[in-house]
Structure formats: C-alpha cells, structure tokens
C-alpha cells in the first residue's frame, strides 16, 4: 500500500493518492471484508464523494457500528449535513430532532 501511495502521489498529488488508497480499501473489503467502515465513510465525506460516504455509512448502520452515535455531533460529518440523505440517516438511527 505504501508503494501505491508513493506512486500515486508522485503522479497526480496527495488527493489522487488518497483516492487510490480508498479504491484499494474497497477492493480489499470486497475480497476479505473487515475494513473499518466509519473511517472509510469519513474519508469519502472529506473527499467530497457523498455517494461513497453514504454507502459506507449504510454499512456502518447495518453492522450496528457503535460510532454511529456520533453522527449528530461530530464535525467530520459536516460535508454531508446539507444532503437530505443525512437527515434521513439520522432519523433511521434514532438521532433526529
């Protein structure tokens, strides 16, 4: 993975390297499972890829991941807050107002 990151960073910069890292993580999840779903969702949210962020958050909810309780308060989710799917997700997990 370190070589992947170094090569991707050298080719197109740190954002591209992080996106490559995420694609590799998704491929690994598809093969073996066990990838930590909340950090994946958080990273996609920070990258601005809302669709992938919500896909990983849906996995977190399905797994009953304990970190879901921080959806409402944690500022890492700020990039998703204006999306109607975020309000629906909060409601689904019992965190809506």
C-alpha atoms as a PDB file:
ATOM      1  CA  UNK A   1       0.000   0.000   0.000  1.00  0.00           C
ATOM      2  CA  UNK A   2       2.890   2.357   0.748  1.00  0.00           C
ATOM      3  CA  UNK A   3       4.224   1.885  -2.773  1.00  0.00           C
ATOM      4  CA  UNK A   4       0.765   2.530  -4.203  1.00  0.00           C
ATOM      5  CA  UNK A   5       0.529   5.787  -2.259  1.00  0.00           C
ATOM      6  CA  UNK A   6       4.035   6.930  -3.205  1.00  0.00           C
ATOM      7  CA  UNK A   7       3.468   6.219  -6.896  1.00  0.00           C
ATOM      8  CA  UNK A   8       0.013   7.847  -6.936  1.00  0.00           C
ATOM      9  CA  UNK A   9       1.269  10.925  -5.085  1.00  0.00           C
ATOM     10  CA  UNK A  10       4.167  11.331  -7.476  1.00  0.00           C
ATOM     11  CA  UNK A  11       1.844  11.002 -10.470  1.00  0.00           C
ATOM     12  CA  UNK A  12      -1.048  13.254  -9.531  1.00  0.00           C
ATOM     13  CA  UNK A  13      -0.685  14.581  -5.994  1.00  0.00           C
ATOM     14  CA  UNK A  14      -1.904  13.783  -2.482  1.00  0.00           C
ATOM     15  CA  UNK A  15      -5.642  13.902  -3.199  1.00  0.00           C
ATOM     16  CA  UNK A  16      -5.269  11.383  -6.003  1.00  0.00           C
ATOM     17  CA  UNK A  17      -3.104   9.231  -3.719  1.00  0.00           C
ATOM     18  CA  UNK A  18      -5.813   9.224  -1.060  1.00  0.00           C
ATOM     19  CA  UNK A  19      -8.451   8.336  -3.650  1.00  0.00           C
ATOM     20  CA  UNK A  20      -6.244   5.436  -4.791  1.00  0.00           C
ATOM     21  CA  UNK A  21      -5.906   4.329  -1.177  1.00  0.00           C
ATOM     22  CA  UNK A  22      -9.696   4.346  -0.817  1.00  0.00           C
ATOM     23  CA  UNK A  23     -10.170   2.334  -4.011  1.00  0.00           C
ATOM     24  CA  UNK A  24      -7.660  -0.219  -2.729  1.00  0.00           C
ATOM     25  CA  UNK A  25      -9.527  -0.358   0.600  1.00  0.00           C
ATOM     26  CA  UNK A  26     -12.799  -1.017  -1.196  1.00  0.00           C
ATOM     27  CA  UNK A  27     -11.193  -3.768  -3.263  1.00  0.00           C
ATOM     28  CA  UNK A  28      -9.815  -5.307  -0.079  1.00  0.00           C
ATOM     29  CA  UNK A  29     -13.241  -5.104   1.572  1.00  0.00           C
ATOM     30  CA  UNK A  30     -14.812  -6.882  -1.408  1.00  0.00           C
ATOM     31  CA  UNK A  31     -12.262  -9.708  -1.164  1.00  0.00           C
ATOM     32  CA  UNK A  32     -11.842 -10.194   2.569  1.00  0.00           C
ATOM     33  CA  UNK A  33     -14.130  -7.894   4.500  1.00  0.00           C
ATOM     34  CA  UNK A  34     -13.167  -6.444   7.829  1.00  0.00           C
ATOM     35  CA  UNK A  35     -12.438  -2.904   6.666  1.00  0.00           C
ATOM     36  CA  UNK A  36     -13.380  -0.295   9.266  1.00  0.00           C
ATOM     37  CA  UNK A  37     -16.484   1.225   7.726  1.00  0.00           C
ATOM     38  CA  UNK A  38     -16.735   4.512   9.623  1.00  0.00           C
ATOM     39  CA  UNK A  39     -13.237   5.754   8.727  1.00  0.00           C
ATOM     40  CA  UNK A  40     -13.976   4.854   5.112  1.00  0.00           C
ATOM     41  CA  UNK A  41     -17.192   6.909   5.242  1.00  0.00           C
ATOM     42  CA  UNK A  42     -15.413   9.797   6.944  1.00  0.00           C
ATOM     43  CA  UNK A  43     -12.627   9.880   4.376  1.00  0.00           C
ATOM     44  CA  UNK A  44     -15.077   9.835   1.491  1.00  0.00           C
ATOM     45  CA  UNK A  45     -17.030  12.664   3.142  1.00  0.00           C
ATOM     46  CA  UNK A  46     -13.856  14.730   3.410  1.00  0.00           C
ATOM     47  CA  UNK A  47     -13.016  13.978  -0.223  1.00  0.00           C
ATOM     48  CA  UNK A  48     -16.451  15.280  -1.211  1.00  0.00           C
ATOM     49  CA  UNK A  49     -17.635  11.919  -2.512  1.00  0.00           C
ATOM     50  CA  UNK A  50     -21.021  11.909  -0.814  1.00  0.00           C
ATOM     51  CA  UNK A  51     -22.375   8.851  -2.612  1.00  0.00           C
ATOM     52  CA  UNK A  52     -19.494   6.659  -1.390  1.00  0.00           C
ATOM     53  CA  UNK A  53     -19.664   8.220   2.088  1.00  0.00           C
ATOM     54  CA  UNK A  54     -23.342   7.346   2.397  1.00  0.00           C
ATOM     55  CA  UNK A  55     -22.743   3.843   1.052  1.00  0.00           C
ATOM     56  CA  UNK A  56     -20.202   3.257   3.830  1.00  0.00           C
ATOM     57  CA  UNK A  57     -22.452   4.849   6.443  1.00  0.00           C
ATOM     58  CA  UNK A  58     -25.213   2.483   5.377  1.00  0.00           C
ATOM     59  CA  UNK A  59     -22.806  -0.398   6.006  1.00  0.00           C
ATOM     60  CA  UNK A  60     -21.998   1.035   9.428  1.00  0.00           C
ATOM     61  CA  UNK A  61     -25.687   1.186  10.304  1.00  0.00           C
ATOM     62  CA  UNK A  62     -26.246  -2.368   9.042  1.00  0.00           C
ATOM     63  CA  UNK A  63     -23.350  -3.535  11.228  1.00  0.00           C
ATOM     64  CA  UNK A  64     -24.701  -1.553  14.182  1.00  0.00           C
ATOM     65  CA  UNK A  65     -21.315   0.131  14.462  1.00  0.00           C
ATOM     66  CA  UNK A  66     -21.039   1.943  17.798  1.00  0.00           C
ATOM     67  CA  UNK A  67     -19.513   5.044  16.185  1.00  0.00           C
ATOM     68  CA  UNK A  68     -22.862   5.890  14.591  1.00  0.00           C
ATOM     69  CA  UNK A  69     -23.902   7.533  17.862  1.00  0.00           C
ATOM     70  CA  UNK A  70     -21.553  10.425  16.998  1.00  0.00           C
ATOM     71  CA  UNK A  71     -23.182  11.268  13.666  1.00  0.00           C
ATOM     72  CA  UNK A  72     -25.113  14.195  15.042  1.00  0.00           C
ATOM     73  CA  UNK A  73     -22.298  15.880  16.963  1.00  0.00           C
ATOM     74  CA  UNK A  74     -19.014  15.049  15.242  1.00  0.00           C
ATOM     75  CA  UNK A  75     -17.864  17.741  12.808  1.00  0.00           C
ATOM     76  CA  UNK A  76     -16.263  15.196  10.481  1.00  0.00           C
ATOM     77  CA  UNK A  77     -19.746  14.740   9.033  1.00  0.00           C
ATOM     78  CA  UNK A  78     -20.200  18.454   8.229  1.00  0.00           C
ATOM     79  CA  UNK A  79     -19.692  17.910   4.471  1.00  0.00           C
ATOM     80  CA  UNK A  80     -22.775  15.651   4.496  1.00  0.00           C
ATOM     81  CA  UNK A  81     -25.138  17.649   6.704  1.00  0.00           C
ATOM     82  CA  UNK A  82     -26.844  19.606   3.902  1.00  0.00           C
ATOM     83  CA  UNK A  83     -27.601  16.437   1.943  1.00  0.00           C
ATOM     84  CA  UNK A  84     -31.173  15.176   2.562  1.00  0.00           C
ATOM     85  CA  UNK A  85     -29.776  11.657   2.963  1.00  0.00           C
ATOM     86  CA  UNK A  86     -28.026  12.764   6.151  1.00  0.00           C
ATOM     87  CA  UNK A  87     -31.284  13.824   7.828  1.00  0.00           C
ATOM     88  CA  UNK A  88     -32.868  10.554   6.706  1.00  0.00           C
ATOM     89  CA  UNK A  89     -29.925   8.613   8.132  1.00  0.00           C
ATOM     90  CA  UNK A  90     -30.185  10.417  11.481  1.00  0.00           C
ATOM     91  CA  UNK A  91     -33.887   9.624  11.589  1.00  0.00           C
ATOM     92  CA  UNK A  92     -33.269   5.981  10.696  1.00  0.00           C
ATOM     93  CA  UNK A  93     -30.845   5.517  13.587  1.00  0.00           C
ATOM     94  CA  UNK A  94     -32.956   7.484  16.073  1.00  0.00           C
ATOM     95  CA  UNK A  95     -30.813  10.624  16.259  1.00  0.00           C
ATOM     96  CA  UNK A  96     -33.144  13.116  14.568  1.00  0.00           C
ATOM     97  CA  UNK A  97     -34.536  16.069  16.495  1.00  0.00           C
END
